[in-house]
Amino acid sequence: MSEGQFPEIASMETVNPVVRDFIIFCAQRQGKGWPALYDEMCWVSGRRLFKGLGYADLRELGLSFSLTNIEETIRMVDTVVAQK
């Protein structure tokens, strides 16, 4: 991927608060290490363990689990866990 292909996430203010809380919830359960955190996020959303939200719900809020959007997801998660 070329640099600049995805917009940078400047701060936690640009991340939906529910998505932010979901990422923090998963990081508290699994830790901040990637890809274990990604696996935990998939597991939690697949079982709707955070406020009953599943994959589609989180996608509508701005968090994609698609591998085609993985760079954007990584930046979002990194932004949240770094400022947590």
N, C-alpha and C. Protein backbone atom coordinates (compact mmCIF):
# COMPACT_ATOMS: atom_id res chain seq x y z
N MET A 1 0.83 -1.18 0.00
CA MET A 1 0.00 0.00 0.00
C MET A 1 0.87 1.24 0.00
N SER A 2 0.46 2.19 -0.78
CA SER A 2 1.23 3.42 -0.83
C SER A 2 0.89 4.31 0.35
N GLU A 3 1.87 5.08 0.77
CA GLU A 3 1.65 5.99 1.89
C GLU A 3 0.60 7.02 1.50
N GLY A 4 -0.28 7.33 2.42
CA GLY A 4 -1.32 8.30 2.15
C GLY A 4 -2.58 7.71 1.53
N GLN A 5 -2.60 6.39 1.34
CA GLN A 5 -3.77 5.77 0.75
C GLN A 5 -4.97 5.86 1.68
N PHE A 6 -4.75 5.79 2.96
CA PHE A 6 -5.81 5.91 3.95
C PHE A 6 -5.62 7.20 4.72
N PRO A 7 -6.71 7.89 5.05
CA PRO A 7 -6.55 9.10 5.87
C PRO A 7 -6.08 8.73 7.27
N GLU A 8 -5.23 9.55 7.82
CA GLU A 8 -4.75 9.32 9.18
C GLU A 8 -5.85 9.65 10.18
N ILE A 9 -5.89 8.93 11.26
CA ILE A 9 -6.81 9.23 12.35
C ILE A 9 -6.05 10.12 13.31
N ALA A 10 -6.50 11.34 13.44
CA ALA A 10 -5.74 12.35 14.18
C ALA A 10 -5.81 12.15 15.69
N SER A 11 -6.98 11.77 16.18
CA SER A 11 -7.13 11.69 17.63
C SER A 11 -8.32 10.81 17.97
N MET A 12 -8.48 10.56 19.25
CA MET A 12 -9.61 9.76 19.71
C MET A 12 -10.93 10.45 19.41
N GLU A 13 -10.93 11.77 19.23
CA GLU A 13 -12.17 12.49 18.95
C GLU A 13 -12.75 12.10 17.60
N THR A 14 -11.92 11.58 16.69
CA THR A 14 -12.40 11.19 15.38
C THR A 14 -12.94 9.76 15.36
N VAL A 15 -12.74 9.03 16.44
CA VAL A 15 -13.22 7.65 16.55
C VAL A 15 -14.57 7.68 17.27
N ASN A 16 -15.54 6.98 16.71
CA ASN A 16 -16.86 6.89 17.34
C ASN A 16 -16.68 6.44 18.79
N PRO A 17 -17.33 7.10 19.75
CA PRO A 17 -17.15 6.75 21.17
C PRO A 17 -17.50 5.29 21.49
N VAL A 18 -18.48 4.73 20.82
CA VAL A 18 -18.84 3.33 21.06
C VAL A 18 -17.73 2.42 20.55
N VAL A 19 -17.17 2.74 19.39
CA VAL A 19 -16.04 1.97 18.84
C VAL A 19 -14.84 2.08 19.76
N ARG A 20 -14.57 3.29 20.24
CA ARG A 20 -13.46 3.51 21.18
C ARG A 20 -13.63 2.62 22.41
N ASP A 21 -14.83 2.62 22.98
CA ASP A 21 -15.09 1.82 24.18
C ASP A 21 -14.98 0.32 23.88
N PHE A 22 -15.40 -0.08 22.68
CA PHE A 22 -15.27 -1.49 22.27
C PHE A 22 -13.80 -1.90 22.21
N ILE A 23 -12.98 -1.06 21.59
CA ILE A 23 -11.55 -1.37 21.47
C ILE A 23 -10.91 -1.43 22.85
N ILE A 24 -11.23 -0.50 23.73
CA ILE A 24 -10.69 -0.50 25.09
C ILE A 24 -11.14 -1.75 25.84
N PHE A 25 -12.41 -2.12 25.70
CA PHE A 25 -12.94 -3.32 26.32
C PHE A 25 -12.14 -4.55 25.90
N CYS A 26 -11.89 -4.66 24.60
CA CYS A 26 -11.14 -5.82 24.08
C CYS A 26 -9.68 -5.78 24.53
N ALA A 27 -9.09 -4.59 24.56
CA ALA A 27 -7.69 -4.46 24.99
C ALA A 27 -7.54 -4.83 26.47
N GLN A 28 -8.54 -4.51 27.27
CA GLN A 28 -8.49 -4.87 28.69
C GLN A 28 -8.60 -6.39 28.86
N ARG A 29 -9.31 -7.04 27.98
CA ARG A 29 -9.46 -8.50 28.05
C ARG A 29 -8.24 -9.23 27.53
N GLN A 30 -7.62 -8.69 26.46
CA GLN A 30 -6.58 -9.43 25.75
C GLN A 30 -5.20 -8.78 25.80
N GLY A 31 -5.14 -7.50 26.00
CA GLY A 31 -3.88 -6.78 25.91
C GLY A 31 -3.83 -6.03 24.59
N LYS A 32 -2.75 -5.26 24.41
CA LYS A 32 -2.65 -4.37 23.26
C LYS A 32 -1.94 -4.99 22.06
N GLY A 33 -1.42 -6.18 22.20
CA GLY A 33 -0.62 -6.78 21.13
C GLY A 33 -1.45 -7.21 19.93
N TRP A 34 -0.94 -6.90 18.77
CA TRP A 34 -1.56 -7.28 17.50
C TRP A 34 -0.87 -8.53 17.01
N PRO A 35 -1.47 -9.57 16.54
CA PRO A 35 -2.85 -9.72 16.12
C PRO A 35 -3.78 -10.30 17.18
N ALA A 36 -3.27 -10.55 18.38
CA ALA A 36 -4.14 -11.10 19.43
C ALA A 36 -5.31 -10.18 19.73
N LEU A 37 -5.07 -8.87 19.71
CA LEU A 37 -6.16 -7.93 19.97
C LEU A 37 -7.19 -7.99 18.85
N TYR A 38 -6.76 -8.09 17.61
CA TYR A 38 -7.69 -8.24 16.48
C TYR A 38 -8.53 -9.51 16.65
N ASP A 39 -7.89 -10.60 17.02
CA ASP A 39 -8.62 -11.86 17.24
C ASP A 39 -9.66 -11.70 18.34
N GLU A 40 -9.29 -11.01 19.40
CA GLU A 40 -10.22 -10.77 20.51
C GLU A 40 -11.40 -9.91 20.05
N MET A 41 -11.11 -8.88 19.28
CA MET A 41 -12.17 -8.02 18.77
C MET A 41 -13.14 -8.82 17.90
N CYS A 42 -12.61 -9.70 17.07
CA CYS A 42 -13.47 -10.56 16.24
C CYS A 42 -14.30 -11.50 17.11
N TRP A 43 -13.66 -12.08 18.12
CA TRP A 43 -14.34 -13.03 19.01
C TRP A 43 -15.46 -12.33 19.78
N VAL A 44 -15.16 -11.17 20.33
CA VAL A 44 -16.15 -10.41 21.11
C VAL A 44 -17.32 -9.99 20.23
N SER A 45 -17.02 -9.46 19.05
CA SER A 45 -18.11 -9.01 18.18
C SER A 45 -18.91 -10.19 17.63
N GLY A 46 -18.25 -11.31 17.36
CA GLY A 46 -18.95 -12.50 16.88
C GLY A 46 -19.94 -13.05 17.89
N ARG A 47 -19.66 -12.83 19.16
CA ARG A 47 -20.53 -13.30 20.24
C ARG A 47 -21.36 -12.18 20.85
N ARG A 48 -21.20 -10.96 20.30
CA ARG A 48 -21.96 -9.79 20.75
C ARG A 48 -21.80 -9.56 22.26
N LEU A 49 -20.57 -9.67 22.74
CA LEU A 49 -20.30 -9.53 24.17
C LEU A 49 -20.20 -8.09 24.64
N PHE A 50 -20.08 -7.15 23.72
CA PHE A 50 -19.99 -5.74 24.10
C PHE A 50 -21.26 -5.03 23.64
N LYS A 51 -22.13 -4.75 24.59
CA LYS A 51 -23.38 -4.02 24.35
C LYS A 51 -24.23 -4.65 23.25
N GLY A 52 -24.07 -5.96 23.04
CA GLY A 52 -24.87 -6.66 22.04
C GLY A 52 -24.49 -6.35 20.60
N LEU A 53 -23.33 -5.69 20.40
CA LEU A 53 -22.93 -5.28 19.06
C LEU A 53 -22.18 -6.40 18.33
N GLY A 54 -22.56 -6.61 17.08
CA GLY A 54 -21.90 -7.58 16.22
C GLY A 54 -21.10 -6.89 15.13
N TYR A 55 -20.58 -7.69 14.20
CA TYR A 55 -19.75 -7.17 13.11
C TYR A 55 -20.43 -6.03 12.35
N ALA A 56 -21.66 -6.27 11.90
CA ALA A 56 -22.37 -5.27 11.09
C ALA A 56 -22.62 -3.98 11.88
N ASP A 57 -22.95 -4.12 13.15
CA ASP A 57 -23.18 -2.95 13.99
C ASP A 57 -21.92 -2.10 14.10
N LEU A 58 -20.81 -2.75 14.34
CA LEU A 58 -19.54 -2.04 14.48
C LEU A 58 -19.09 -1.44 13.16
N ARG A 59 -19.34 -2.13 12.05
CA ARG A 59 -19.01 -1.59 10.74
C ARG A 59 -19.78 -0.29 10.49
N GLU A 60 -21.05 -0.28 10.86
CA GLU A 60 -21.87 0.93 10.70
C GLU A 60 -21.33 2.09 11.54
N LEU A 61 -20.67 1.77 12.63
CA LEU A 61 -20.09 2.79 13.52
C LEU A 61 -18.67 3.19 13.11
N GLY A 62 -18.14 2.52 12.07
CA GLY A 62 -16.83 2.91 11.55
C GLY A 62 -15.70 1.94 11.78
N LEU A 63 -15.97 0.77 12.35
CA LEU A 63 -14.91 -0.22 12.60
C LEU A 63 -15.12 -1.42 11.69
N SER A 64 -14.20 -1.61 10.77
CA SER A 64 -14.29 -2.73 9.82
C SER A 64 -13.34 -3.85 10.25
N PHE A 65 -13.81 -5.07 10.08
CA PHE A 65 -12.96 -6.24 10.33
C PHE A 65 -12.45 -6.83 9.02
N SER A 66 -12.79 -6.21 7.92
CA SER A 66 -12.39 -6.67 6.60
C SER A 66 -10.90 -6.54 6.41
N LEU A 67 -10.29 -7.54 5.81
CA LEU A 67 -8.86 -7.48 5.55
C LEU A 67 -8.52 -6.40 4.53
N THR A 68 -9.47 -6.03 3.69
CA THR A 68 -9.21 -4.96 2.73
C THR A 68 -9.09 -3.59 3.41
N ASN A 69 -9.60 -3.48 4.62
CA ASN A 69 -9.52 -2.23 5.38
C ASN A 69 -8.63 -2.35 6.60
N ILE A 70 -7.79 -3.37 6.64
CA ILE A 70 -7.03 -3.69 7.86
C ILE A 70 -6.08 -2.56 8.26
N GLU A 71 -5.48 -1.86 7.30
CA GLU A 71 -4.56 -0.78 7.65
C GLU A 71 -5.29 0.33 8.40
N GLU A 72 -6.47 0.68 7.95
CA GLU A 72 -7.27 1.70 8.62
C GLU A 72 -7.68 1.23 10.01
N THR A 73 -8.05 -0.04 10.13
CA THR A 73 -8.43 -0.61 11.42
C THR A 73 -7.25 -0.58 12.39
N ILE A 74 -6.08 -0.96 11.90
CA ILE A 74 -4.88 -0.95 12.74
C ILE A 74 -4.58 0.45 13.25
N ARG A 75 -4.68 1.44 12.35
CA ARG A 75 -4.42 2.83 12.78
C ARG A 75 -5.43 3.28 13.83
N MET A 76 -6.69 2.90 13.64
CA MET A 76 -7.73 3.28 14.59
C MET A 76 -7.45 2.64 15.96
N VAL A 77 -7.14 1.36 15.96
CA VAL A 77 -6.87 0.65 17.20
C VAL A 77 -5.62 1.22 17.87
N ASP A 78 -4.58 1.45 17.09
CA ASP A 78 -3.34 2.03 17.64
C ASP A 78 -3.61 3.39 18.28
N THR A 79 -4.44 4.21 17.62
CA THR A 79 -4.77 5.52 18.16
C THR A 79 -5.48 5.40 19.51
N VAL A 80 -6.43 4.48 19.58
CA VAL A 80 -7.20 4.32 20.82
C VAL A 80 -6.33 3.79 21.94
N VAL A 81 -5.58 2.71 21.69
CA VAL A 81 -4.80 2.11 22.78
C VAL A 81 -3.63 3.00 23.20
N ALA A 82 -3.12 3.82 22.29
CA ALA A 82 -2.03 4.72 22.65
C ALA A 82 -2.50 5.85 23.55
N GLN A 83 -3.74 6.25 23.39
CA GLN A 83 -4.27 7.37 24.18
C GLN A 83 -5.09 6.92 25.36
N LYS A 84 -5.21 5.62 25.54
CA LYS A 84 -6.02 5.05 26.63
C LYS A 84 -5.35 5.27 27.97
